[in-house]
Amino acid sequence: MEESTDKLTIDCVKQYARIDSDDEDDILALMLEAARRYVNHEVGKCDESDERVKVLLLAIVSNMYDNRVLAVDKNQSVQYVANQMIMQLQFEYDKETHDDC
């Protein structure tokens, strides 16, 4: 697969977040780029050919879109799942790096 076909699109994000209009495409694009940078920083890379990374990006963007306030909710289930996926990816990518040595 080519890298460009692996990348999430705004249309995919909108479908996941159940957004029908194009009014907030710029905001969603900004959030998607921020999510990519976050995953890259936390994991070491943002490999969108990995389905877990795509789901993680979708969850992060959806969470950013739905919770556009700087408050912490007692329901942290999305963050818990995201953190678990990040830890899995960090472990696997770290292992790949060490296996190449």
C-alpha atoms as a PDB file:
ATOM      1  CA  MET A   1       0.000   0.000   0.000  1.00  0.00           C
ATOM      2  CA  GLU A   2       1.120   3.521  -0.672  1.00  0.00           C
ATOM      3  CA  GLU A   3       1.452   5.790   2.337  1.00  0.00           C
ATOM      4  CA  SER A   4      -1.042   8.299   0.922  1.00  0.00           C
ATOM      5  CA  THR A   5      -3.801   5.664   0.828  1.00  0.00           C
ATOM      6  CA  ASP A   6      -3.111   4.716   4.443  1.00  0.00           C
ATOM      7  CA  LYS A   7      -3.636   8.200   5.842  1.00  0.00           C
ATOM      8  CA  LEU A   8      -6.938   9.042   7.433  1.00  0.00           C
ATOM      9  CA  THR A   9      -9.059  11.530   5.564  1.00  0.00           C
ATOM     10  CA  ILE A  10     -11.315  14.248   6.903  1.00  0.00           C
ATOM     11  CA  ASP A  11     -14.263  12.339   5.397  1.00  0.00           C
ATOM     12  CA  CYS A  12     -13.357   9.274   7.462  1.00  0.00           C
ATOM     13  CA  VAL A  13     -13.082  11.410  10.604  1.00  0.00           C
ATOM     14  CA  LYS A  14     -16.456  13.012   9.870  1.00  0.00           C
ATOM     15  CA  GLN A  15     -18.067   9.603   9.348  1.00  0.00           C
ATOM     16  CA  TYR A  16     -16.627   8.329  12.640  1.00  0.00           C
ATOM     17  CA  ALA A  17     -17.714  11.449  14.531  1.00  0.00           C
ATOM     18  CA  ARG A  18     -21.106  11.543  12.759  1.00  0.00           C
ATOM     19  CA  ILE A  19     -20.562  15.028  11.358  1.00  0.00           C
ATOM     20  CA  ASP A  20     -22.683  15.752   8.286  1.00  0.00           C
ATOM     21  CA  SER A  21     -21.636  19.256   7.256  1.00  0.00           C
ATOM     22  CA  ASP A  22     -18.404  20.599   5.802  1.00  0.00           C
ATOM     23  CA  ASP A  23     -18.492  23.690   8.022  1.00  0.00           C
ATOM     24  CA  GLU A  24     -15.815  22.459  10.434  1.00  0.00           C
ATOM     25  CA  ASP A  25     -13.442  20.706   8.037  1.00  0.00           C
ATOM     26  CA  ASP A  26     -10.624  23.127   8.849  1.00  0.00           C
ATOM     27  CA  ILE A  27     -11.004  22.508  12.575  1.00  0.00           C
ATOM     28  CA  LEU A  28     -11.123  18.741  12.036  1.00  0.00           C
ATOM     29  CA  ALA A  29      -7.998  18.898   9.848  1.00  0.00           C
ATOM     30  CA  LEU A  30      -6.223  20.819  12.612  1.00  0.00           C
ATOM     31  CA  MET A  31      -7.342  18.282  15.227  1.00  0.00           C
ATOM     32  CA  LEU A  32      -6.278  15.354  13.019  1.00  0.00           C
ATOM     33  CA  GLU A  33      -2.817  16.839  12.550  1.00  0.00           C
ATOM     34  CA  ALA A  34      -2.551  17.462  16.305  1.00  0.00           C
ATOM     35  CA  ALA A  35      -3.584  13.842  16.966  1.00  0.00           C
ATOM     36  CA  ARG A  36      -0.931  12.593  14.516  1.00  0.00           C
ATOM     37  CA  ARG A  37       1.735  14.666  16.241  1.00  0.00           C
ATOM     38  CA  TYR A  38       0.563  13.464  19.654  1.00  0.00           C
ATOM     39  CA  VAL A  39       0.741   9.794  18.629  1.00  0.00           C
ATOM     40  CA  ASN A  40       4.131  10.345  16.974  1.00  0.00           C
ATOM     41  CA  HIS A  41       5.460  11.979  20.145  1.00  0.00           C
ATOM     42  CA  GLU A  42       4.044   9.342  22.498  1.00  0.00           C
ATOM     43  CA  VAL A  43       4.807   6.261  20.401  1.00  0.00           C
ATOM     44  CA  GLY A  44       7.799   7.264  18.326  1.00  0.00           C
ATOM     45  CA  LYS A  45       5.988   7.084  14.997  1.00  0.00           C
ATOM     46  CA  CYS A  46       2.487   7.413  13.600  1.00  0.00           C
ATOM     47  CA  ASP A  47       2.079   4.469  11.229  1.00  0.00           C
ATOM     48  CA  GLU A  48      -1.396   4.864   9.771  1.00  0.00           C
ATOM     49  CA  SER A  49      -1.119   1.524   7.988  1.00  0.00           C
ATOM     50  CA  ASP A  50      -1.665   0.007  11.461  1.00  0.00           C
ATOM     51  CA  GLU A  51      -5.416  -0.185  12.073  1.00  0.00           C
ATOM     52  CA  ARG A  52      -4.913   0.452  15.781  1.00  0.00           C
ATOM     53  CA  VAL A  53      -3.231   3.749  14.987  1.00  0.00           C
ATOM     54  CA  LYS A  54      -6.155   4.727  12.770  1.00  0.00           C
ATOM     55  CA  VAL A  55      -8.665   3.863  15.491  1.00  0.00           C
ATOM     56  CA  LEU A  56      -6.554   5.730  18.026  1.00  0.00           C
ATOM     57  CA  LEU A  57      -6.436   8.814  15.802  1.00  0.00           C
ATOM     58  CA  LEU A  58     -10.192   8.652  15.249  1.00  0.00           C
ATOM     59  CA  ALA A  59     -10.817   8.341  18.987  1.00  0.00           C
ATOM     60  CA  ILE A  60      -8.483  11.232  19.803  1.00  0.00           C
ATOM     61  CA  VAL A  61      -9.996  13.545  17.178  1.00  0.00           C
ATOM     62  CA  SER A  62     -13.537  12.605  18.156  1.00  0.00           C
ATOM     63  CA  ASN A  63     -12.718  13.220  21.807  1.00  0.00           C
ATOM     64  CA  MET A  64     -11.131  16.595  20.961  1.00  0.00           C
ATOM     65  CA  TYR A  65     -14.163  17.562  18.897  1.00  0.00           C
ATOM     66  CA  ASP A  66     -16.743  16.441  21.469  1.00  0.00           C
ATOM     67  CA  ASN A  67     -14.901  17.923  24.445  1.00  0.00           C
ATOM     68  CA  ARG A  68     -13.721  21.323  23.306  1.00  0.00           C
ATOM     69  CA  VAL A  69     -13.271  22.474  26.868  1.00  0.00           C
ATOM     70  CA  LEU A  70     -10.322  22.120  29.237  1.00  0.00           C
ATOM     71  CA  ALA A  71     -12.149  20.177  31.918  1.00  0.00           C
ATOM     72  CA  VAL A  72     -11.628  16.678  33.229  1.00  0.00           C
ATOM     73  CA  ASP A  73     -14.626  14.398  33.330  1.00  0.00           C
ATOM     74  CA  LYS A  74     -14.948  11.502  35.748  1.00  0.00           C
ATOM     75  CA  ASN A  75     -15.616   9.194  32.779  1.00  0.00           C
ATOM     76  CA  GLN A  76     -12.106   8.565  31.510  1.00  0.00           C
ATOM     77  CA  SER A  77     -12.842   5.425  29.417  1.00  0.00           C
ATOM     78  CA  VAL A  78     -11.769   6.940  26.084  1.00  0.00           C
ATOM     79  CA  GLN A  79      -8.525   8.187  27.574  1.00  0.00           C
ATOM     80  CA  TYR A  80      -7.915   4.787  29.202  1.00  0.00           C
ATOM     81  CA  VAL A  81      -8.363   2.940  25.903  1.00  0.00           C
ATOM     82  CA  ALA A  82      -6.186   5.478  24.099  1.00  0.00           C
ATOM     83  CA  ASN A  83      -3.461   5.185  26.744  1.00  0.00           C
ATOM     84  CA  GLN A  84      -3.516   1.401  26.514  1.00  0.00           C
ATOM     85  CA  MET A  85      -3.209   1.511  22.729  1.00  0.00           C
ATOM     86  CA  ILE A  86      -0.323   3.989  22.994  1.00  0.00           C
ATOM     87  CA  MET A  87       1.506   1.738  25.469  1.00  0.00           C
ATOM     88  CA  GLN A  88       1.025  -1.267  23.160  1.00  0.00           C
ATOM     89  CA  LEU A  89       2.365   0.616  20.173  1.00  0.00           C
ATOM     90  CA  GLN A  90       5.303   2.032  22.159  1.00  0.00           C
ATOM     91  CA  PHE A  91       6.264  -1.467  23.266  1.00  0.00           C
ATOM     92  CA  GLU A  92       6.006  -2.926  19.759  1.00  0.00           C
ATOM     93  CA  TYR A  93       7.868  -0.083  18.038  1.00  0.00           C
ATOM     94  CA  ASP A  94      10.547  -0.090  20.720  1.00  0.00           C
ATOM     95  CA  LYS A  95      10.944  -3.843  20.244  1.00  0.00           C
ATOM     96  CA  GLU A  96      11.243  -3.383  16.462  1.00  0.00           C
ATOM     97  CA  THR A  97      13.986  -0.799  17.002  1.00  0.00           C
ATOM     98  CA  HIS A  98      15.928  -3.088  19.313  1.00  0.00           C
ATOM     99  CA  ASP A  99      15.430  -6.120  17.058  1.00  0.00           C
ATOM    100  CA  ASP A 100      17.058  -4.216  14.192  1.00  0.00           C
ATOM    101  CA  CYS A 101      20.274  -3.674  16.201  1.00  0.00           C
END
